[in-house]
Amino acid sequence: MATTKAYKDFVLEYLCFDGITCKSMMGEYLLYYNGLLFGGIYDDRLLVKKVDSNKKYGMSETIPYEGAKEMYLVDVDNRDNLRDIVLDTCDGLK
């Protein structure tokens, strides 16, 4: 199942801070912060890469698609932590 445009737009509205970009990839969307790939939107789910710096949020682990590495599932309804999750993820990827 591919991600709907409505869900992509919903997530991007929540991620409305400078430096966020989104690229379409085979029915899903890759998310970047200042050019650094930190996650994506897969099957109407926001996922971020697993790094030590974002473990503290206690997010569930899942895979974006069969054969992929596990990622963390982000609760987009919790807008308070969303920016921090993205920034901490990117810090851990540097």
PDB file of N, CA and C in Angstrom:
ATOM      1  N   MET A   1       0.849  -1.179   0.000  1.00  0.00           N
ATOM      2  CA  MET A   1       0.000   0.000   0.000  1.00  0.00           C
ATOM      3  C   MET A   1       0.892   1.239   0.000  1.00  0.00           C
ATOM      4  N   ALA A   2       0.661   2.136  -0.895  1.00  0.00           N
ATOM      5  CA  ALA A   2       1.437   3.373  -0.979  1.00  0.00           C
ATOM      6  C   ALA A   2       0.846   4.434  -0.045  1.00  0.00           C
ATOM      7  N   THR A   3       1.655   5.394   0.282  1.00  0.00           N
ATOM      8  CA  THR A   3       1.217   6.502   1.128  1.00  0.00           C
ATOM      9  C   THR A   3       0.310   7.430   0.330  1.00  0.00           C
ATOM     10  N   THR A   4      -0.745   7.881   0.957  1.00  0.00           N
ATOM     11  CA  THR A   4      -1.656   8.813   0.290  1.00  0.00           C
ATOM     12  C   THR A   4      -1.068  10.221   0.312  1.00  0.00           C
ATOM     13  N   LYS A   5      -1.415  11.012  -0.687  1.00  0.00           N
ATOM     14  CA  LYS A   5      -0.967  12.401  -0.739  1.00  0.00           C
ATOM     15  C   LYS A   5      -1.517  13.173   0.458  1.00  0.00           C
ATOM     16  N   ALA A   6      -2.720  12.849   0.875  1.00  0.00           N
ATOM     17  CA  ALA A   6      -3.328  13.535   2.026  1.00  0.00           C
ATOM     18  C   ALA A   6      -2.515  13.297   3.294  1.00  0.00           C
ATOM     19  N   TYR A   7      -2.050  12.061   3.515  1.00  0.00           N
ATOM     20  CA  TYR A   7      -1.249  11.779   4.706  1.00  0.00           C
ATOM     21  C   TYR A   7       0.111  12.465   4.614  1.00  0.00           C
ATOM     22  N   LYS A   8       0.723  12.446   3.432  1.00  0.00           N
ATOM     23  CA  LYS A   8       2.000  13.138   3.235  1.00  0.00           C
ATOM     24  C   LYS A   8       1.851  14.613   3.560  1.00  0.00           C
ATOM     25  N   ASP A   9       0.810  15.237   3.063  1.00  0.00           N
ATOM     26  CA  ASP A   9       0.578  16.655   3.330  1.00  0.00           C
ATOM     27  C   ASP A   9       0.344  16.909   4.819  1.00  0.00           C
ATOM     28  N   PHE A  10      -0.370  16.003   5.477  1.00  0.00           N
ATOM     29  CA  PHE A  10      -0.637  16.095   6.916  1.00  0.00           C
ATOM     30  C   PHE A  10       0.687  16.081   7.698  1.00  0.00           C
ATOM     31  N   VAL A  11       1.569  15.152   7.374  1.00  0.00           N
ATOM     32  CA  VAL A  11       2.854  15.041   8.070  1.00  0.00           C
ATOM     33  C   VAL A  11       3.707  16.279   7.801  1.00  0.00           C
ATOM     34  N   LEU A  12       3.767  16.709   6.551  1.00  0.00           N
ATOM     35  CA  LEU A  12       4.590  17.867   6.215  1.00  0.00           C
ATOM     36  C   LEU A  12       4.082  19.136   6.896  1.00  0.00           C
ATOM     37  N   GLU A  13       2.795  19.220   7.125  1.00  0.00           N
ATOM     38  CA  GLU A  13       2.245  20.363   7.864  1.00  0.00           C
ATOM     39  C   GLU A  13       2.792  20.375   9.286  1.00  0.00           C
ATOM     40  N   TYR A  14       2.935  19.201   9.894  1.00  0.00           N
ATOM     41  CA  TYR A  14       3.485  19.097  11.253  1.00  0.00           C
ATOM     42  C   TYR A  14       4.998  19.351  11.265  1.00  0.00           C
ATOM     43  N   LEU A  15       5.665  19.027  10.168  1.00  0.00           N
ATOM     44  CA  LEU A  15       7.117  19.204  10.078  1.00  0.00           C
ATOM     45  C   LEU A  15       7.455  20.537   9.402  1.00  0.00           C
ATOM     46  N   CYS A  16       6.690  21.536   9.702  1.00  0.00           N
ATOM     47  CA  CYS A  16       6.829  22.816   8.986  1.00  0.00           C
ATOM     48  C   CYS A  16       7.893  23.703   9.632  1.00  0.00           C
ATOM     49  N   PHE A  17       9.129  23.208   9.695  1.00  0.00           N
ATOM     50  CA  PHE A  17      10.219  24.075  10.122  1.00  0.00           C
ATOM     51  C   PHE A  17      11.295  24.074   9.044  1.00  0.00           C
ATOM     52  N   ASP A  18      12.101  25.116   9.034  1.00  0.00           N
ATOM     53  CA  ASP A  18      13.104  25.305   7.984  1.00  0.00           C
ATOM     54  C   ASP A  18      14.024  24.100   7.848  1.00  0.00           C
ATOM     55  N   GLY A  19      14.314  23.765   6.597  1.00  0.00           N
ATOM     56  CA  GLY A  19      15.267  22.702   6.319  1.00  0.00           C
ATOM     57  C   GLY A  19      14.648  21.369   5.957  1.00  0.00           C
ATOM     58  N   ILE A  20      13.343  21.204   6.152  1.00  0.00           N
ATOM     59  CA  ILE A  20      12.668  19.940   5.829  1.00  0.00           C
ATOM     60  C   ILE A  20      12.324  19.904   4.343  1.00  0.00           C
ATOM     61  N   THR A  21      12.734  18.825   3.676  1.00  0.00           N
ATOM     62  CA  THR A  21      12.329  18.592   2.293  1.00  0.00           C
ATOM     63  C   THR A  21      11.851  17.154   2.144  1.00  0.00           C
ATOM     64  N   CYS A  22      11.087  16.933   1.100  1.00  0.00           N
ATOM     65  CA  CYS A  22      10.448  15.638   0.879  1.00  0.00           C
ATOM     66  C   CYS A  22      10.617  15.264  -0.590  1.00  0.00           C
ATOM     67  N   LYS A  23      11.001  14.006  -0.836  1.00  0.00           N
ATOM     68  CA  LYS A  23      11.136  13.508  -2.203  1.00  0.00           C
ATOM     69  C   LYS A  23      10.317  12.238  -2.367  1.00  0.00           C
ATOM     70  N   SER A  24       9.566  12.179  -3.446  1.00  0.00           N
ATOM     71  CA  SER A  24       8.756  11.009  -3.762  1.00  0.00           C
ATOM     72  C   SER A  24       9.663   9.874  -4.230  1.00  0.00           C
ATOM     73  N   MET A  25       9.362   8.649  -3.738  1.00  0.00           N
ATOM     74  CA  MET A  25      10.157   7.482  -4.123  1.00  0.00           C
ATOM     75  C   MET A  25       9.248   6.253  -4.159  1.00  0.00           C
ATOM     76  N   MET A  26       8.857   5.837  -5.348  1.00  0.00           N
ATOM     77  CA  MET A  26       8.087   4.608  -5.547  1.00  0.00           C
ATOM     78  C   MET A  26       6.818   4.548  -4.684  1.00  0.00           C
ATOM     79  N   GLY A  27       6.064   5.620  -4.650  1.00  0.00           N
ATOM     80  CA  GLY A  27       4.801   5.645  -3.914  1.00  0.00           C
ATOM     81  C   GLY A  27       4.945   6.008  -2.450  1.00  0.00           C
ATOM     82  N   GLU A  28       6.169   6.204  -1.999  1.00  0.00           N
ATOM     83  CA  GLU A  28       6.434   6.608  -0.618  1.00  0.00           C
ATOM     84  C   GLU A  28       7.212   7.918  -0.666  1.00  0.00           C
ATOM     85  N   TYR A  29       7.613   8.435   0.499  1.00  0.00           N
ATOM     86  CA  TYR A  29       8.278   9.732   0.543  1.00  0.00           C
ATOM     87  C   TYR A  29       9.479   9.687   1.478  1.00  0.00           C
ATOM     88  N   LEU A  30      10.615  10.176   0.991  1.00  0.00           N
ATOM     89  CA  LEU A  30      11.821  10.267   1.799  1.00  0.00           C
ATOM     90  C   LEU A  30      11.888  11.667   2.392  1.00  0.00           C
ATOM     91  N   LEU A  31      12.307  11.755   3.660  1.00  0.00           N
ATOM     92  CA  LEU A  31      12.354  13.033   4.358  1.00  0.00           C
ATOM     93  C   LEU A  31      13.796  13.412   4.682  1.00  0.00           C
ATOM     94  N   TYR A  32      14.109  14.670   4.440  1.00  0.00           N
ATOM     95  CA  TYR A  32      15.447  15.202   4.644  1.00  0.00           C
ATOM     96  C   TYR A  32      15.384  16.440   5.523  1.00  0.00           C
ATOM     97  N   TYR A  33      16.436  16.631   6.319  1.00  0.00           N
ATOM     98  CA  TYR A  33      16.593  17.864   7.072  1.00  0.00           C
ATOM     99  C   TYR A  33      17.961  18.425   6.701  1.00  0.00           C
ATOM    100  N   ASN A  34      17.950  19.601   6.084  1.00  0.00           N
ATOM    101  CA  ASN A  34      19.185  20.228   5.582  1.00  0.00           C
ATOM    102  C   ASN A  34      20.014  19.249   4.746  1.00  0.00           C
ATOM    103  N   GLY A  35      19.320  18.495   3.900  1.00  0.00           N
ATOM    104  CA  GLY A  35      19.972  17.577   2.976  1.00  0.00           C
ATOM    105  C   GLY A  35      20.304  16.203   3.535  1.00  0.00           C
ATOM    106  N   LEU A  36      20.051  15.979   4.818  1.00  0.00           N
ATOM    107  CA  LEU A  36      20.366  14.701   5.468  1.00  0.00           C
ATOM    108  C   LEU A  36      19.111  13.831   5.544  1.00  0.00           C
ATOM    109  N   LEU A  37      19.164  12.651   4.954  1.00  0.00           N
ATOM    110  CA  LEU A  37      18.031  11.722   4.987  1.00  0.00           C
ATOM    111  C   LEU A  37      17.861  11.188   6.411  1.00  0.00           C
ATOM    112  N   PHE A  38      16.716  11.486   7.031  1.00  0.00           N
ATOM    113  CA  PHE A  38      16.487  11.047   8.409  1.00  0.00           C
ATOM    114  C   PHE A  38      15.323  10.080   8.558  1.00  0.00           C
ATOM    115  N   GLY A  39      14.500   9.952   7.537  1.00  0.00           N
ATOM    116  CA  GLY A  39      13.347   9.068   7.647  1.00  0.00           C
ATOM    117  C   GLY A  39      12.480   9.135   6.408  1.00  0.00           C
ATOM    118  N   GLY A  40      11.243   8.720   6.590  1.00  0.00           N
ATOM    119  CA  GLY A  40      10.330   8.731   5.468  1.00  0.00           C
ATOM    120  C   GLY A  40       8.902   8.464   5.889  1.00  0.00           C
ATOM    121  N   ILE A  41       8.033   8.569   4.914  1.00  0.00           N
ATOM    122  CA  ILE A  41       6.611   8.270   5.114  1.00  0.00           C
ATOM    123  C   ILE A  41       6.335   7.024   4.285  1.00  0.00           C
ATOM    124  N   TYR A  42       6.004   5.939   4.974  1.00  0.00           N
ATOM    125  CA  TYR A  42       5.787   4.640   4.346  1.00  0.00           C
ATOM    126  C   TYR A  42       4.438   4.095   4.776  1.00  0.00           C
ATOM    127  N   ASP A  43       3.602   3.754   3.811  1.00  0.00           N
ATOM    128  CA  ASP A  43       2.278   3.180   4.106  1.00  0.00           C
ATOM    129  C   ASP A  43       1.523   4.008   5.144  1.00  0.00           C
ATOM    130  N   ASP A  44       1.518   5.317   4.946  1.00  0.00           N
ATOM    131  CA  ASP A  44       0.834   6.253   5.850  1.00  0.00           C
ATOM    132  C   ASP A  44       1.358   6.166   7.283  1.00  0.00           C
ATOM    133  N   ARG A  45       2.667   6.002   7.417  1.00  0.00           N
ATOM    134  CA  ARG A  45       3.336   5.989   8.729  1.00  0.00           C
ATOM    135  C   ARG A  45       4.602   6.829   8.624  1.00  0.00           C
ATOM    136  N   LEU A  46       4.843   7.663   9.627  1.00  0.00           N
ATOM    137  CA  LEU A  46       6.077   8.437   9.693  1.00  0.00           C
ATOM    138  C   LEU A  46       7.117   7.609  10.434  1.00  0.00           C
ATOM    139  N   LEU A  47       8.238   7.339   9.769  1.00  0.00           N
ATOM    140  CA  LEU A  47       9.315   6.547  10.352  1.00  0.00           C
ATOM    141  C   LEU A  47      10.611   7.339  10.309  1.00  0.00           C
ATOM    142  N   VAL A  48      11.433   7.175  11.350  1.00  0.00           N
ATOM    143  CA  VAL A  48      12.756   7.790  11.380  1.00  0.00           C
ATOM    144  C   VAL A  48      13.794   6.705  11.604  1.00  0.00           C
ATOM    145  N   LYS A  49      15.009   6.988  11.160  1.00  0.00           N
ATOM    146  CA  LYS A  49      16.100   6.034  11.342  1.00  0.00           C
ATOM    147  C   LYS A  49      16.398   5.849  12.823  1.00  0.00           C
ATOM    148  N   LYS A  50      16.835   4.650  13.177  1.00  0.00           N
ATOM    149  CA  LYS A  50      17.205   4.335  14.560  1.00  0.00           C
ATOM    150  C   LYS A  50      18.636   4.780  14.817  1.00  0.00           C
ATOM    151  N   VAL A  51      18.801   5.633  15.814  1.00  0.00           N
ATOM    152  CA  VAL A  51      20.125   6.068  16.269  1.00  0.00           C
ATOM    153  C   VAL A  51      20.082   6.163  17.792  1.00  0.00           C
ATOM    154  N   ASP A  52      21.240   6.158  18.409  1.00  0.00           N
ATOM    155  CA  ASP A  52      21.293   6.220  19.873  1.00  0.00           C
ATOM    156  C   ASP A  52      20.610   7.465  20.428  1.00  0.00           C
ATOM    157  N   SER A  53      20.717   8.579  19.709  1.00  0.00           N
ATOM    158  CA  SER A  53      20.197   9.841  20.221  1.00  0.00           C
ATOM    159  C   SER A  53      18.674   9.947  20.208  1.00  0.00           C
ATOM    160  N   ASN A  54      17.972   9.026  19.544  1.00  0.00           N
ATOM    161  CA  ASN A  54      16.503   9.102  19.573  1.00  0.00           C
ATOM    162  C   ASN A  54      15.851   7.923  20.310  1.00  0.00           C
ATOM    163  N   LYS A  55      16.648   7.089  20.948  1.00  0.00           N
ATOM    164  CA  LYS A  55      16.101   5.964  21.725  1.00  0.00           C
ATOM    165  C   LYS A  55      15.264   6.443  22.907  1.00  0.00           C
ATOM    166  N   LYS A  56      15.616   7.612  23.438  1.00  0.00           N
ATOM    167  CA  LYS A  56      14.966   8.130  24.646  1.00  0.00           C
ATOM    168  C   LYS A  56      13.476   8.397  24.473  1.00  0.00           C
ATOM    169  N   TYR A  57      12.987   8.424  23.253  1.00  0.00           N
ATOM    170  CA  TYR A  57      11.567   8.703  23.017  1.00  0.00           C
ATOM    171  C   TYR A  57      10.687   7.464  23.132  1.00  0.00           C
ATOM    172  N   GLY A  58      11.285   6.299  23.253  1.00  0.00           N
ATOM    173  CA  GLY A  58      10.525   5.063  23.450  1.00  0.00           C
ATOM    174  C   GLY A  58       9.593   4.713  22.300  1.00  0.00           C
ATOM    175  N   MET A  59      10.016   4.982  21.080  1.00  0.00           N
ATOM    176  CA  MET A  59       9.183   4.700  19.912  1.00  0.00           C
ATOM    177  C   MET A  59       9.228   3.216  19.562  1.00  0.00           C
ATOM    178  N   SER A  60       8.164   2.734  18.963  1.00  0.00           N
ATOM    179  CA  SER A  60       8.085   1.343  18.515  1.00  0.00           C
ATOM    180  C   SER A  60       8.976   1.139  17.297  1.00  0.00           C
ATOM    181  N   GLU A  61       9.507  -0.070  17.170  1.00  0.00           N
ATOM    182  CA  GLU A  61      10.321  -0.418  16.012  1.00  0.00           C
ATOM    183  C   GLU A  61       9.452  -1.119  14.976  1.00  0.00           C
ATOM    184  N   THR A  62       9.707  -0.825  13.723  1.00  0.00           N
ATOM    185  CA  THR A  62       8.992  -1.460  12.622  1.00  0.00           C
ATOM    186  C   THR A  62       9.867  -1.364  11.377  1.00  0.00           C
ATOM    187  N   ILE A  63       9.479  -2.055  10.327  1.00  0.00           N
ATOM    188  CA  ILE A  63      10.210  -1.947   9.066  1.00  0.00           C
ATOM    189  C   ILE A  63       9.333  -1.192   8.065  1.00  0.00           C
ATOM    190  N   PRO A  64       9.956  -0.374   7.222  1.00  0.00           N
ATOM    191  CA  PRO A  64       9.169   0.374   6.237  1.00  0.00           C
ATOM    192  C   PRO A  64       8.649  -0.513   5.107  1.00  0.00           C
ATOM    193  N   TYR A  65       9.421  -1.549   4.779  1.00  0.00           N
ATOM    194  CA  TYR A  65       9.049  -2.498   3.728  1.00  0.00           C
ATOM    195  C   TYR A  65       9.891  -3.747   3.934  1.00  0.00           C
ATOM    196  N   GLU A  66       9.475  -4.829   3.334  1.00  0.00           N
ATOM    197  CA  GLU A  66      10.154  -6.113   3.517  1.00  0.00           C
ATOM    198  C   GLU A  66      11.616  -6.024   3.080  1.00  0.00           C
ATOM    199  N   GLY A  67      12.483  -6.504   3.946  1.00  0.00           N
ATOM    200  CA  GLY A  67      13.907  -6.518   3.663  1.00  0.00           C
ATOM    201  C   GLY A  67      14.656  -5.271   4.108  1.00  0.00           C
ATOM    202  N   ALA A  68      13.946  -4.278   4.629  1.00  0.00           N
ATOM    203  CA  ALA A  68      14.582  -3.033   5.066  1.00  0.00           C
ATOM    204  C   ALA A  68      15.024  -3.129   6.527  1.00  0.00           C
ATOM    205  N   LYS A  69      15.910  -2.215   6.922  1.00  0.00           N
ATOM    206  CA  LYS A  69      16.322  -2.118   8.320  1.00  0.00           C
ATOM    207  C   LYS A  69      15.173  -1.572   9.153  1.00  0.00           C
ATOM    208  N   GLU A  70      15.147  -1.952  10.426  1.00  0.00           N
ATOM    209  CA  GLU A  70      14.122  -1.422  11.327  1.00  0.00           C
ATOM    210  C   GLU A  70      14.296   0.077  11.515  1.00  0.00           C
ATOM    211  N   MET A  71      13.160   0.732  11.680  1.00  0.00           N
ATOM    212  CA  MET A  71      13.122   2.164  11.932  1.00  0.00           C
ATOM    213  C   MET A  71      12.179   2.394  13.105  1.00  0.00           C
ATOM    214  N   TYR A  72      12.152   3.619  13.604  1.00  0.00           N
ATOM    215  CA  TYR A  72      11.212   3.968  14.672  1.00  0.00           C
ATOM    216  C   TYR A  72       9.947   4.581  14.087  1.00  0.00           C
ATOM    217  N   LEU A  73       8.815   4.154  14.628  1.00  0.00           N
ATOM    218  CA  LEU A  73       7.515   4.687  14.247  1.00  0.00           C
ATOM    219  C   LEU A  73       7.214   5.904  15.108  1.00  0.00           C
ATOM    220  N   VAL A  74       6.979   7.037  14.474  1.00  0.00           N
ATOM    221  CA  VAL A  74       6.743   8.294  15.172  1.00  0.00           C
ATOM    222  C   VAL A  74       5.244   8.534  15.314  1.00  0.00           C
ATOM    223  N   ASP A  75       4.822   8.883  16.517  1.00  0.00           N
ATOM    224  CA  ASP A  75       3.427   9.253  16.776  1.00  0.00           C
ATOM    225  C   ASP A  75       3.245  10.705  16.353  1.00  0.00           C
ATOM    226  N   VAL A  76       2.654  10.917  15.179  1.00  0.00           N
ATOM    227  CA  VAL A  76       2.509  12.280  14.662  1.00  0.00           C
ATOM    228  C   VAL A  76       1.487  13.098  15.439  1.00  0.00           C
ATOM    229  N   ASP A  77       0.688  12.463  16.257  1.00  0.00           N
ATOM    230  CA  ASP A  77      -0.273  13.207  17.067  1.00  0.00           C
ATOM    231  C   ASP A  77       0.402  13.915  18.230  1.00  0.00           C
ATOM    232  N   ASN A  78       1.632  13.524  18.546  1.00  0.00           N
ATOM    233  CA  ASN A  78       2.386  14.160  19.612  1.00  0.00           C
ATOM    234  C   ASN A  78       3.310  15.214  19.003  1.00  0.00           C
ATOM    235  N   ARG A  79       2.742  16.368  18.691  1.00  0.00           N
ATOM    236  CA  ARG A  79       3.493  17.424  18.015  1.00  0.00           C
ATOM    237  C   ARG A  79       4.578  18.023  18.891  1.00  0.00           C
ATOM    238  N   ASP A  80       4.449  17.892  20.216  1.00  0.00           N
ATOM    239  CA  ASP A  80       5.425  18.494  21.125  1.00  0.00           C
ATOM    240  C   ASP A  80       6.827  17.944  20.914  1.00  0.00           C
ATOM    241  N   ASN A  81       6.935  16.653  20.670  1.00  0.00           N
ATOM    242  CA  ASN A  81       8.250  16.013  20.525  1.00  0.00           C
ATOM    243  C   ASN A  81       8.712  15.881  19.082  1.00  0.00           C
ATOM    244  N   LEU A  82       7.868  16.178  18.130  1.00  0.00           N
ATOM    245  CA  LEU A  82       8.171  15.889  16.733  1.00  0.00           C
ATOM    246  C   LEU A  82       9.447  16.585  16.252  1.00  0.00           C
ATOM    247  N   ARG A  83       9.564  17.852  16.512  1.00  0.00           N
ATOM    248  CA  ARG A  83      10.764  18.597  16.098  1.00  0.00           C
ATOM    249  C   ARG A  83      12.001  18.025  16.795  1.00  0.00           C
ATOM    250  N   ASP A  84      11.902  17.756  18.088  1.00  0.00           N
ATOM    251  CA  ASP A  84      13.034  17.209  18.843  1.00  0.00           C
ATOM    252  C   ASP A  84      13.452  15.844  18.311  1.00  0.00           C
ATOM    253  N   ILE A  85      12.470  15.020  17.950  1.00  0.00           N
ATOM    254  CA  ILE A  85      12.774  13.697  17.399  1.00  0.00           C
ATOM    255  C   ILE A  85      13.575  13.838  16.103  1.00  0.00           C
ATOM    256  N   VAL A  86      13.136  14.727  15.229  1.00  0.00           N
ATOM    257  CA  VAL A  86      13.833  14.939  13.956  1.00  0.00           C
ATOM    258  C   VAL A  86      15.254  15.453  14.211  1.00  0.00           C
ATOM    259  N   LEU A  87      15.387  16.453  15.065  1.00  0.00           N
ATOM    260  CA  LEU A  87      16.709  17.034  15.328  1.00  0.00           C
ATOM    261  C   LEU A  87      17.645  16.036  16.007  1.00  0.00           C
ATOM    262  N   ASP A  88      17.135  15.271  16.976  1.00  0.00           N
ATOM    263  CA  ASP A  88      17.956  14.270  17.645  1.00  0.00           C
ATOM    264  C   ASP A  88      18.361  13.150  16.686  1.00  0.00           C
ATOM    265  N   THR A  89      17.451  12.773  15.808  1.00  0.00           N
ATOM    266  CA  THR A  89      17.763  11.749  14.806  1.00  0.00           C
ATOM    267  C   THR A  89      18.887  12.239  13.898  1.00  0.00           C
ATOM    268  N   CYS A  90      18.770  13.460  13.422  1.00  0.00           N
ATOM    269  CA  CYS A  90      19.795  13.997  12.537  1.00  0.00           C
ATOM    270  C   CYS A  90      21.132  14.162  13.257  1.00  0.00           C
ATOM    271  N   ASP A  91      21.109  14.563  14.510  1.00  0.00           N
ATOM    272  CA  ASP A  91      22.358  14.660  15.285  1.00  0.00           C
ATOM    273  C   ASP A  91      23.036  13.308  15.365  1.00  0.00           C
ATOM    274  N   GLY A  92      22.257  12.254  15.549  1.00  0.00           N
ATOM    275  CA  GLY A  92      22.801  10.907  15.650  1.00  0.00           C
ATOM    276  C   GLY A  92      23.314  10.357  14.336  1.00  0.00           C
ATOM    277  N   LEU A  93      22.868  10.926  13.234  1.00  0.00           N
ATOM    278  CA  LEU A  93      23.302  10.463  11.912  1.00  0.00           C
ATOM    279  C   LEU A  93      24.567  11.159  11.428  1.00  0.00           C
ATOM    280  N   LYS A  94      24.958  12.225  12.084  1.00  0.00           N
ATOM    281  CA  LYS A  94      26.143  12.985  11.654  1.00  0.00           C
ATOM    282  C   LYS A  94      27.421  12.276  11.995  1.00  0.00           C
TER     283      LYS A  94
END
